[in-house]
Amino acid sequence: VTEKRLDGTNFYRALNLAPGIGLIQGGVRGDPKRSLK
């Protein structure tokens, strides 16, 4: 957050297990320019 590595990234995944239940996934998506160790 502080280094602004999440700015401009996306929520790219939506897993629906039941109506209104599941998870959403986001972040750097393995981008080597944004990823830390």
Full PDB file with SEQRES, HELIX, SHEET, SSBOND, CRYST1, ORIGX, SCALE, CONECT and MASTER records, all heavy atoms in Angstrom:
SEQRES   1 A   37  VAL THR GLU LYS ARG LEU ASP GLY THR ASN PHE TYR ARG          
SEQRES   2 A   37  ALA LEU ASN LEU ALA PRO GLY ILE GLY LEU ILE GLN GLY          
SEQRES   3 A   37  GLY VAL ARG GLY ASP PRO LYS ARG SER LEU LYS                  
SHEET    1 AA1 2 ASN A  10  ALA A  18  0                                        
SHEET    2 AA1 2 ILE A  21  GLY A  27 -1                                        
CRYST1    1.000    1.000    1.000  90.00  90.00  90.00 P 1           1          
ORIGX1      1.000000  0.000000  0.000000        0.00000                         
ORIGX2      0.000000  1.000000  0.000000        0.00000                         
ORIGX3      0.000000  0.000000  1.000000        0.00000                         
SCALE1      1.000000  0.000000  0.000000        0.00000                         
SCALE2      0.000000  1.000000  0.000000        0.00000                         
SCALE3      0.000000  0.000000  1.000000        0.00000                         
ATOM      1  N   VAL A   1       0.834  -1.205   0.000  1.00  0.00           N  
ATOM      2  CA  VAL A   1       0.000   0.000   0.000  1.00  0.00           C  
ATOM      3  C   VAL A   1       0.868   1.254   0.000  1.00  0.00           C  
ATOM      4  O   VAL A   1       0.689   2.164  -0.818  1.00  0.00           O  
ATOM      5  CB  VAL A   1      -0.947  -0.008   1.225  1.00  0.00           C  
ATOM      6  CG1 VAL A   1      -1.660   1.342   1.364  1.00  0.00           C  
ATOM      7  CG2 VAL A   1      -1.961  -1.146   1.109  1.00  0.00           C  
ATOM      8  N   THR A   2       1.827   1.323   0.931  1.00  0.00           N  
ATOM      9  CA  THR A   2       2.678   2.504   1.079  1.00  0.00           C  
ATOM     10  C   THR A   2       3.483   2.797  -0.186  1.00  0.00           C  
ATOM     11  O   THR A   2       3.653   3.961  -0.585  1.00  0.00           O  
ATOM     12  CB  THR A   2       3.637   2.319   2.273  1.00  0.00           C  
ATOM     13  OG1 THR A   2       2.871   2.101   3.450  1.00  0.00           O  
ATOM     14  CG2 THR A   2       4.515   3.543   2.461  1.00  0.00           C  
ATOM     15  N   GLU A   3       3.969   1.744  -0.821  1.00  0.00           N  
ATOM     16  CA  GLU A   3       4.785   1.919  -2.022  1.00  0.00           C  
ATOM     17  C   GLU A   3       3.950   2.000  -3.299  1.00  0.00           C  
ATOM     18  O   GLU A   3       4.499   1.989  -4.405  1.00  0.00           O  
ATOM     19  CB  GLU A   3       5.798   0.775  -2.112  1.00  0.00           C  
ATOM     20  CG  GLU A   3       6.787   0.769  -0.947  1.00  0.00           C  
ATOM     21  CD  GLU A   3       7.802  -0.369  -1.014  1.00  0.00           C  
ATOM     22  OE1 GLU A   3       7.823  -1.090  -2.046  1.00  0.00           O  
ATOM     23  OE2 GLU A   3       8.576  -0.532  -0.051  1.00  0.00           O  
ATOM     24  N   LYS A   4       2.635   2.058  -3.122  1.00  0.00           N  
ATOM     25  CA  LYS A   4       1.684   2.228  -4.239  1.00  0.00           C  
ATOM     26  C   LYS A   4       1.766   1.095  -5.268  1.00  0.00           C  
ATOM     27  O   LYS A   4       1.473   1.279  -6.448  1.00  0.00           O  
ATOM     28  CB  LYS A   4       1.890   3.590  -4.929  1.00  0.00           C  
ATOM     29  CG  LYS A   4       1.713   4.778  -3.990  1.00  0.00           C  
ATOM     30  CD  LYS A   4       1.770   6.084  -4.723  1.00  0.00           C  
ATOM     31  CE  LYS A   4       1.637   7.272  -3.775  1.00  0.00           C  
ATOM     32  NZ  LYS A   4       0.382   7.271  -3.011  1.00  0.00           N  
ATOM     33  N   ARG A   5       2.148  -0.087  -4.804  1.00  0.00           N  
ATOM     34  CA  ARG A   5       2.258  -1.223  -5.698  1.00  0.00           C  
ATOM     35  C   ARG A   5       0.893  -1.794  -6.096  1.00  0.00           C  
ATOM     36  O   ARG A   5       0.790  -2.541  -7.073  1.00  0.00           O  
ATOM     37  CB  ARG A   5       3.122  -2.313  -5.055  1.00  0.00           C  
ATOM     38  CG  ARG A   5       4.587  -1.896  -4.897  1.00  0.00           C  
ATOM     39  CD  ARG A   5       5.376  -2.954  -4.117  1.00  0.00           C  
ATOM     40  NE  ARG A   5       6.756  -2.520  -3.940  1.00  0.00           N  
ATOM     41  CZ  ARG A   5       7.766  -2.820  -4.760  1.00  0.00           C  
ATOM     42  NH1 ARG A   5       7.532  -3.561  -5.837  1.00  0.00           N  
ATOM     43  NH2 ARG A   5       8.987  -2.387  -4.522  1.00  0.00           N  
ATOM     44  N   LEU A   6      -0.151  -1.455  -5.320  1.00  0.00           N  
ATOM     45  CA  LEU A   6      -1.494  -1.940  -5.642  1.00  0.00           C  
ATOM     46  C   LEU A   6      -2.282  -0.951  -6.499  1.00  0.00           C  
ATOM     47  O   LEU A   6      -3.330  -1.320  -7.050  1.00  0.00           O  
ATOM     48  CB  LEU A   6      -2.274  -2.243  -4.355  1.00  0.00           C  
ATOM     49  CG  LEU A   6      -1.716  -3.370  -3.471  1.00  0.00           C  
ATOM     50  CD1 LEU A   6      -2.555  -3.523  -2.210  1.00  0.00           C  
ATOM     51  CD2 LEU A   6      -1.655  -4.690  -4.239  1.00  0.00           C  
ATOM     52  N   ASP A   7      -1.789   0.284  -6.599  1.00  0.00           N  
ATOM     53  CA  ASP A   7      -2.488   1.279  -7.414  1.00  0.00           C  
ATOM     54  C   ASP A   7      -2.470   0.850  -8.882  1.00  0.00           C  
ATOM     55  O   ASP A   7      -1.405   0.575  -9.453  1.00  0.00           O  
ATOM     56  CB  ASP A   7      -1.821   2.654  -7.278  1.00  0.00           C  
ATOM     57  CG  ASP A   7      -1.980   3.247  -5.891  1.00  0.00           C  
ATOM     58  OD1 ASP A   7      -2.472   2.531  -4.993  1.00  0.00           O  
ATOM     59  OD2 ASP A   7      -1.591   4.410  -5.703  1.00  0.00           O  
ATOM     60  N   GLY A   8      -3.649   0.772  -9.484  1.00  0.00           N  
ATOM     61  CA  GLY A   8      -3.731   0.383 -10.882  1.00  0.00           C  
ATOM     62  C   GLY A   8      -3.828  -1.119 -11.107  1.00  0.00           C  
ATOM     63  O   GLY A   8      -3.890  -1.565 -12.262  1.00  0.00           O  
ATOM     64  N   THR A   9      -3.842  -1.915 -10.018  1.00  0.00           N  
ATOM     65  CA  THR A   9      -4.054  -3.357 -10.180  1.00  0.00           C  
ATOM     66  C   THR A   9      -5.557  -3.635 -10.236  1.00  0.00           C  
ATOM     67  O   THR A   9      -6.372  -2.705 -10.264  1.00  0.00           O  
ATOM     68  CB  THR A   9      -3.394  -4.150  -9.034  1.00  0.00           C  
ATOM     69  OG1 THR A   9      -3.975  -3.748  -7.782  1.00  0.00           O  
ATOM     70  CG2 THR A   9      -1.894  -3.892  -9.005  1.00  0.00           C  
ATOM     71  N   ASN A  10      -5.941  -4.900 -10.241  1.00  0.00           N  
ATOM     72  CA  ASN A  10      -7.349  -5.249 -10.430  1.00  0.00           C  
ATOM     73  C   ASN A  10      -7.821  -6.323  -9.456  1.00  0.00           C  
ATOM     74  O   ASN A  10      -7.022  -7.108  -8.936  1.00  0.00           O  
ATOM     75  CB  ASN A  10      -7.574  -5.801 -11.848  1.00  0.00           C  
ATOM     76  CG  ASN A  10      -7.211  -4.827 -12.934  1.00  0.00           C  
ATOM     77  OD1 ASN A  10      -7.742  -3.734 -13.001  1.00  0.00           O  
ATOM     78  ND2 ASN A  10      -6.279  -5.232 -13.798  1.00  0.00           N  
ATOM     79  N   PHE A  11      -9.133  -6.349  -9.275  1.00  0.00           N  
ATOM     80  CA  PHE A  11      -9.805  -7.556  -8.811  1.00  0.00           C  
ATOM     81  C   PHE A  11     -10.118  -8.339 -10.083  1.00  0.00           C  
ATOM     82  O   PHE A  11     -10.872  -7.874 -10.933  1.00  0.00           O  
ATOM     83  CB  PHE A  11     -11.085  -7.227  -8.045  1.00  0.00           C  
ATOM     84  CG  PHE A  11     -10.849  -6.791  -6.625  1.00  0.00           C  
ATOM     85  CD1 PHE A  11     -10.937  -5.453  -6.271  1.00  0.00           C  
ATOM     86  CD2 PHE A  11     -10.534  -7.728  -5.651  1.00  0.00           C  
ATOM     87  CE1 PHE A  11     -10.718  -5.055  -4.963  1.00  0.00           C  
ATOM     88  CE2 PHE A  11     -10.297  -7.335  -4.336  1.00  0.00           C  
ATOM     89  CZ  PHE A  11     -10.384  -5.997  -3.993  1.00  0.00           C  
ATOM     90  N   TYR A  12      -9.517  -9.497 -10.217  1.00  0.00           N  
ATOM     91  CA  TYR A  12      -9.593 -10.235 -11.474  1.00  0.00           C  
ATOM     92  C   TYR A  12     -10.288 -11.596 -11.366  1.00  0.00           C  
ATOM     93  O   TYR A  12     -10.543 -12.256 -12.373  1.00  0.00           O  
ATOM     94  CB  TYR A  12      -8.188 -10.447 -12.047  1.00  0.00           C  
ATOM     95  CG  TYR A  12      -7.201 -11.069 -11.070  1.00  0.00           C  
ATOM     96  CD1 TYR A  12      -7.138 -12.455 -10.890  1.00  0.00           C  
ATOM     97  CD2 TYR A  12      -6.334 -10.272 -10.329  1.00  0.00           C  
ATOM     98  CE1 TYR A  12      -6.252 -13.019 -10.002  1.00  0.00           C  
ATOM     99  CE2 TYR A  12      -5.437 -10.834  -9.440  1.00  0.00           C  
ATOM    100  CZ  TYR A  12      -5.400 -12.210  -9.272  1.00  0.00           C  
ATOM    101  OH  TYR A  12      -4.518 -12.771  -8.379  1.00  0.00           O  
ATOM    102  N   ARG A  13     -10.601 -12.014 -10.154  1.00  0.00           N  
ATOM    103  CA  ARG A  13     -11.203 -13.347  -9.963  1.00  0.00           C  
ATOM    104  C   ARG A  13     -12.431 -13.254  -9.073  1.00  0.00           C  
ATOM    105  O   ARG A  13     -12.438 -12.527  -8.086  1.00  0.00           O  
ATOM    106  CB  ARG A  13     -10.182 -14.282  -9.316  1.00  0.00           C  
ATOM    107  CG  ARG A  13     -10.697 -15.691  -9.046  1.00  0.00           C  
ATOM    108  CD  ARG A  13      -9.701 -16.463  -8.207  1.00  0.00           C  
ATOM    109  NE  ARG A  13     -10.124 -17.832  -7.952  1.00  0.00           N  
ATOM    110  CZ  ARG A  13      -9.619 -18.607  -7.009  1.00  0.00           C  
ATOM    111  NH1 ARG A  13      -8.645 -18.159  -6.223  1.00  0.00           N  
ATOM    112  NH2 ARG A  13     -10.066 -19.845  -6.840  1.00  0.00           N  
ATOM    113  N   ALA A  14     -13.480 -14.020  -9.410  1.00  0.00           N  
ATOM    114  CA  ALA A  14     -14.685 -14.115  -8.584  1.00  0.00           C  
ATOM    115  C   ALA A  14     -15.095 -15.578  -8.502  1.00  0.00           C  
ATOM    116  O   ALA A  14     -15.478 -16.182  -9.508  1.00  0.00           O  
ATOM    117  CB  ALA A  14     -15.812 -13.271  -9.164  1.00  0.00           C  
ATOM    118  N   LEU A  15     -14.975 -16.151  -7.314  1.00  0.00           N  
ATOM    119  CA  LEU A  15     -15.363 -17.535  -7.081  1.00  0.00           C  
ATOM    120  C   LEU A  15     -16.717 -17.548  -6.376  1.00  0.00           C  
ATOM    121  O   LEU A  15     -16.835 -17.095  -5.238  1.00  0.00           O  
ATOM    122  CB  LEU A  15     -14.313 -18.243  -6.225  1.00  0.00           C  
ATOM    123  CG  LEU A  15     -14.718 -19.595  -5.622  1.00  0.00           C  
ATOM    124  CD1 LEU A  15     -15.060 -20.595  -6.720  1.00  0.00           C  
ATOM    125  CD2 LEU A  15     -13.618 -20.129  -4.717  1.00  0.00           C  
ATOM    126  N   ASN A  16     -17.736 -18.039  -7.041  1.00  0.00           N  
ATOM    127  CA  ASN A  16     -19.080 -18.122  -6.470  1.00  0.00           C  
ATOM    128  C   ASN A  16     -19.352 -19.549  -6.012  1.00  0.00           C  
ATOM    129  O   ASN A  16     -19.373 -20.480  -6.823  1.00  0.00           O  
ATOM    130  CB  ASN A  16     -20.121 -17.686  -7.500  1.00  0.00           C  
ATOM    131  CG  ASN A  16     -20.176 -16.179  -7.667  1.00  0.00           C  
ATOM    132  OD1 ASN A  16     -20.894 -15.487  -6.967  1.00  0.00           O  
ATOM    133  ND2 ASN A  16     -19.377 -15.666  -8.604  1.00  0.00           N  
ATOM    134  N   LEU A  17     -19.571 -19.715  -4.711  1.00  0.00           N  
ATOM    135  CA  LEU A  17     -19.883 -21.033  -4.152  1.00  0.00           C  
ATOM    136  C   LEU A  17     -21.382 -21.241  -3.996  1.00  0.00           C  
ATOM    137  O   LEU A  17     -21.879 -22.368  -4.060  1.00  0.00           O  
ATOM    138  CB  LEU A  17     -19.195 -21.195  -2.798  1.00  0.00           C  
ATOM    139  CG  LEU A  17     -17.660 -21.106  -2.824  1.00  0.00           C  
ATOM    140  CD1 LEU A  17     -17.113 -21.140  -1.401  1.00  0.00           C  
ATOM    141  CD2 LEU A  17     -17.077 -22.224  -3.652  1.00  0.00           C  
ATOM    142  N   ALA A  18     -22.103 -20.164  -3.753  1.00  0.00           N  
ATOM    143  CA  ALA A  18     -23.558 -20.156  -3.601  1.00  0.00           C  
ATOM    144  C   ALA A  18     -23.969 -18.707  -3.788  1.00  0.00           C  
ATOM    145  O   ALA A  18     -23.112 -17.810  -3.802  1.00  0.00           O  
ATOM    146  CB  ALA A  18     -23.965 -20.681  -2.225  1.00  0.00           C  
ATOM    147  N   PRO A  19     -25.257 -18.426  -3.956  1.00  0.00           N  
ATOM    148  CA  PRO A  19     -25.665 -17.031  -4.129  1.00  0.00           C  
ATOM    149  C   PRO A  19     -25.157 -16.136  -2.998  1.00  0.00           C  
ATOM    150  O   PRO A  19     -25.481 -16.345  -1.833  1.00  0.00           O  
ATOM    151  CB  PRO A  19     -27.192 -17.123  -4.136  1.00  0.00           C  
ATOM    152  CG  PRO A  19     -27.482 -18.488  -4.662  1.00  0.00           C  
ATOM    153  CD  PRO A  19     -26.392 -19.358  -4.106  1.00  0.00           C  
ATOM    154  N   GLY A  20     -24.340 -15.149  -3.363  1.00  0.00           N  
ATOM    155  CA  GLY A  20     -23.811 -14.207  -2.382  1.00  0.00           C  
ATOM    156  C   GLY A  20     -22.675 -14.730  -1.532  1.00  0.00           C  
ATOM    157  O   GLY A  20     -22.186 -14.035  -0.640  1.00  0.00           O  
ATOM    158  N   ILE A  21     -22.224 -15.939  -1.773  1.00  0.00           N  
ATOM    159  CA  ILE A  21     -21.143 -16.538  -0.975  1.00  0.00           C  
ATOM    160  C   ILE A  21     -19.999 -16.934  -1.900  1.00  0.00           C  
ATOM    161  O   ILE A  21     -20.214 -17.570  -2.931  1.00  0.00           O  
ATOM    162  CB  ILE A  21     -21.639 -17.765  -0.192  1.00  0.00           C  
ATOM    163  CG1 ILE A  21     -22.735 -17.361   0.790  1.00  0.00           C  
ATOM    164  CG2 ILE A  21     -20.478 -18.431   0.565  1.00  0.00           C  
ATOM    165  CD1 ILE A  21     -23.341 -18.522   1.547  1.00  0.00           C  
ATOM    166  N   GLY A  22     -18.798 -16.551  -1.521  1.00  0.00           N  
ATOM    167  CA  GLY A  22     -17.626 -16.869  -2.335  1.00  0.00           C  
ATOM    168  C   GLY A  22     -16.476 -15.966  -1.969  1.00  0.00           C  
ATOM    169  O   GLY A  22     -16.333 -15.554  -0.811  1.00  0.00           O  
ATOM    170  N   LEU A  23     -15.646 -15.646  -2.946  1.00  0.00           N  
ATOM    171  CA  LEU A  23     -14.522 -14.752  -2.692  1.00  0.00           C  
ATOM    172  C   LEU A  23     -14.157 -14.009  -3.968  1.00  0.00           C  
ATOM    173  O   LEU A  23     -14.455 -14.452  -5.075  1.00  0.00           O  
ATOM    174  CB  LEU A  23     -13.315 -15.522  -2.150  1.00  0.00           C  
ATOM    175  CG  LEU A  23     -12.663 -16.602  -3.022  1.00  0.00           C  
ATOM    176  CD1 LEU A  23     -11.661 -16.040  -4.032  1.00  0.00           C  
ATOM    177  CD2 LEU A  23     -11.964 -17.626  -2.127  1.00  0.00           C  
ATOM    178  N   ILE A  24     -13.519 -12.857  -3.772  1.00  0.00           N  
ATOM    179  CA  ILE A  24     -12.971 -12.086  -4.884  1.00  0.00           C  
ATOM    180  C   ILE A  24     -11.473 -11.966  -4.656  1.00  0.00           C  
ATOM    181  O   ILE A  24     -11.016 -11.837  -3.520  1.00  0.00           O  
ATOM    182  CB  ILE A  24     -13.624 -10.698  -5.030  1.00  0.00           C  
ATOM    183  CG1 ILE A  24     -13.422  -9.849  -3.765  1.00  0.00           C  
ATOM    184  CG2 ILE A  24     -15.109 -10.842  -5.342  1.00  0.00           C  
ATOM    185  CD1 ILE A  24     -13.881  -8.405  -3.906  1.00  0.00           C  
ATOM    186  N   GLN A  25     -10.706 -12.029  -5.724  1.00  0.00           N  
ATOM    187  CA  GLN A  25      -9.243 -11.992  -5.611  1.00  0.00           C  
ATOM    188  C   GLN A  25      -8.682 -10.850  -6.441  1.00  0.00           C  
ATOM    189  O   GLN A  25      -9.148 -10.581  -7.543  1.00  0.00           O  
ATOM    190  CB  GLN A  25      -8.650 -13.324  -6.081  1.00  0.00           C  
ATOM    191  CG  GLN A  25      -7.136 -13.431  -5.909  1.00  0.00           C  
ATOM    192  CD  GLN A  25      -6.643 -14.853  -6.133  1.00  0.00           C  
ATOM    193  OE1 GLN A  25      -7.266 -15.807  -5.676  1.00  0.00           O  
ATOM    194  NE2 GLN A  25      -5.530 -14.989  -6.833  1.00  0.00           N  
ATOM    195  N   GLY A  26      -7.678 -10.182  -5.881  1.00  0.00           N  
ATOM    196  CA  GLY A  26      -7.047  -9.073  -6.580  1.00  0.00           C  
ATOM    197  C   GLY A  26      -5.585  -8.956  -6.216  1.00  0.00           C  
ATOM    198  O   GLY A  26      -5.046  -9.755  -5.457  1.00  0.00           O  
ATOM    199  N   GLY A  27      -4.934  -7.925  -6.774  1.00  0.00           N  
ATOM    200  CA  GLY A  27      -3.535  -7.692  -6.462  1.00  0.00           C  
ATOM    201  C   GLY A  27      -2.648  -7.638  -7.681  1.00  0.00           C  
ATOM    202  O   GLY A  27      -3.117  -7.387  -8.797  1.00  0.00           O  
ATOM    203  N   VAL A  28      -1.371  -7.891  -7.473  1.00  0.00           N  
ATOM    204  CA  VAL A  28      -0.363  -7.671  -8.517  1.00  0.00           C  
ATOM    205  C   VAL A  28      -0.338  -8.767  -9.573  1.00  0.00           C  
ATOM    206  O   VAL A  28       0.283  -8.622 -10.609  1.00  0.00           O  
ATOM    207  CB  VAL A  28       1.033  -7.513  -7.888  1.00  0.00           C  
ATOM    208  CG1 VAL A  28       1.057  -6.368  -6.891  1.00  0.00           C  
ATOM    209  CG2 VAL A  28       1.493  -8.812  -7.233  1.00  0.00           C  
ATOM    210  N   ARG A  29      -0.954  -9.881  -9.295  1.00  0.00           N  
ATOM    211  CA  ARG A  29      -1.070 -11.002 -10.236  1.00  0.00           C  
ATOM    212  C   ARG A  29       0.295 -11.468 -10.750  1.00  0.00           C  
ATOM    213  O   ARG A  29       0.478 -11.762 -11.928  1.00  0.00           O  
ATOM    214  CB  ARG A  29      -1.999 -10.623 -11.389  1.00  0.00           C  
ATOM    215  CG  ARG A  29      -2.677 -11.803 -12.049  1.00  0.00           C  
ATOM    216  CD  ARG A  29      -3.732 -11.359 -13.026  1.00  0.00           C  
ATOM    217  NE  ARG A  29      -4.345 -12.508 -13.674  1.00  0.00           N  
ATOM    218  CZ  ARG A  29      -5.316 -12.418 -14.591  1.00  0.00           C  
ATOM    219  NH1 ARG A  29      -5.788 -11.228 -14.949  1.00  0.00           N  
ATOM    220  NH2 ARG A  29      -5.822 -13.496 -15.141  1.00  0.00           N  
ATOM    221  N   GLY A  30       1.245 -11.502  -9.836  1.00  0.00           N  
ATOM    222  CA  GLY A  30       2.563 -12.014 -10.179  1.00  0.00           C  
ATOM    223  C   GLY A  30       3.430 -11.088 -10.999  1.00  0.00           C  
ATOM    224  O   GLY A  30       4.505 -11.495 -11.462  1.00  0.00           O  
ATOM    225  N   ASP A  31       3.032  -9.846 -11.174  1.00  0.00           N  
ATOM    226  CA  ASP A  31       3.821  -8.891 -11.952  1.00  0.00           C  
ATOM    227  C   ASP A  31       5.180  -8.693 -11.275  1.00  0.00           C  
ATOM    228  O   ASP A  31       5.258  -8.186 -10.154  1.00  0.00           O  
ATOM    229  CB  ASP A  31       3.069  -7.565 -12.040  1.00  0.00           C  
ATOM    230  CG  ASP A  31       3.797  -6.522 -12.880  1.00  0.00           C  
ATOM    231  OD1 ASP A  31       4.972  -6.731 -13.241  1.00  0.00           O  
ATOM    232  OD2 ASP A  31       3.181  -5.473 -13.180  1.00  0.00           O  
ATOM    233  N   PRO A  32       6.277  -9.059 -11.929  1.00  0.00           N  
ATOM    234  CA  PRO A  32       7.591  -8.958 -11.280  1.00  0.00           C  
ATOM    235  C   PRO A  32       7.989  -7.523 -10.950  1.00  0.00           C  
ATOM    236  O   PRO A  32       8.811  -7.305 -10.050  1.00  0.00           O  
ATOM    237  CB  PRO A  32       8.545  -9.586 -12.304  1.00  0.00           C  
ATOM    238  CG  PRO A  32       7.826  -9.489 -13.620  1.00  0.00           C  
ATOM    239  CD  PRO A  32       6.379  -9.611 -13.296  1.00  0.00           C  
ATOM    240  N   LYS A  33       7.449  -6.548 -11.662  1.00  0.00           N  
ATOM    241  CA  LYS A  33       7.778  -5.149 -11.378  1.00  0.00           C  
ATOM    242  C   LYS A  33       7.087  -4.650 -10.104  1.00  0.00           C  
ATOM    243  O   LYS A  33       7.522  -3.658  -9.519  1.00  0.00           O  
ATOM    244  CB  LYS A  33       7.384  -4.272 -12.561  1.00  0.00           C  
ATOM    245  CG  LYS A  33       8.194  -4.530 -13.819  1.00  0.00           C  
ATOM    246  CD  LYS A  33       7.774  -3.592 -14.940  1.00  0.00           C  
ATOM    247  CE  LYS A  33       8.585  -3.842 -16.205  1.00  0.00           C  
ATOM    248  NZ  LYS A  33       8.187  -2.927 -17.319  1.00  0.00           N  
ATOM    249  N   ARG A  34       6.023  -5.316  -9.721  1.00  0.00           N  
ATOM    250  CA  ARG A  34       5.275  -4.900  -8.530  1.00  0.00           C  
ATOM    251  C   ARG A  34       5.513  -5.819  -7.324  1.00  0.00           C  
ATOM    252  O   ARG A  34       5.315  -5.418  -6.190  1.00  0.00           O  
ATOM    253  CB  ARG A  34       3.769  -4.880  -8.831  1.00  0.00           C  
ATOM    254  CG  ARG A  34       3.333  -3.825  -9.833  1.00  0.00           C  
ATOM    255  CD  ARG A  34       1.825  -3.945 -10.084  1.00  0.00           C  
ATOM    256  NE  ARG A  34       1.319  -2.961 -11.034  1.00  0.00           N  
ATOM    257  CZ  ARG A  34       0.824  -1.766 -10.699  1.00  0.00           C  
ATOM    258  NH1 ARG A  34       0.780  -1.409  -9.429  1.00  0.00           N  
ATOM    259  NH2 ARG A  34       0.369  -0.931 -11.610  1.00  0.00           N  
ATOM    260  N   SER A  35       5.926  -7.043  -7.580  1.00  0.00           N  
ATOM    261  CA  SER A  35       6.012  -8.047  -6.520  1.00  0.00           C  
ATOM    262  C   SER A  35       7.243  -7.874  -5.645  1.00  0.00           C  
ATOM    263  O   SER A  35       8.346  -7.600  -6.141  1.00  0.00           O  
ATOM    264  CB  SER A  35       6.020  -9.454  -7.131  1.00  0.00           C  
ATOM    265  OG  SER A  35       4.829  -9.707  -7.847  1.00  0.00           O  
ATOM    266  N   LEU A  36       7.043  -8.063  -4.345  1.00  0.00           N  
ATOM    267  CA  LEU A  36       8.142  -8.118  -3.381  1.00  0.00           C  
ATOM    268  C   LEU A  36       8.474  -9.583  -3.104  1.00  0.00           C  
ATOM    269  O   LEU A  36       7.828 -10.491  -3.630  1.00  0.00           O  
ATOM    270  CB  LEU A  36       7.720  -7.406  -2.090  1.00  0.00           C  
ATOM    271  CG  LEU A  36       7.393  -5.918  -2.224  1.00  0.00           C  
ATOM    272  CD1 LEU A  36       6.740  -5.404  -0.941  1.00  0.00           C  
ATOM    273  CD2 LEU A  36       8.647  -5.123  -2.549  1.00  0.00           C  
ATOM    274  N   LYS A  37       9.457  -9.819  -2.273  1.00  0.00           N  
ATOM    275  CA  LYS A  37       9.838 -11.184  -1.945  1.00  0.00           C  
ATOM    276  C   LYS A  37       8.705 -11.886  -1.200  1.00  0.00           C  
ATOM    277  O   LYS A  37       7.965 -11.256  -0.435  1.00  0.00           O  
ATOM    278  CB  LYS A  37      11.105 -11.185  -1.088  1.00  0.00           C  
ATOM    279  CG  LYS A  37      12.360 -10.751  -1.840  1.00  0.00           C  
ATOM    280  CD  LYS A  37      13.571 -10.827  -0.934  1.00  0.00           C  
ATOM    281  CE  LYS A  37      14.837 -10.419  -1.687  1.00  0.00           C  
ATOM    282  NZ  LYS A  37      16.045 -10.496  -0.817  1.00  0.00           N  
TER     283      LYS A  37                                                      
MASTER        0    0    0    0    2    0    0    6  282    1    0    3          
END                                                                             
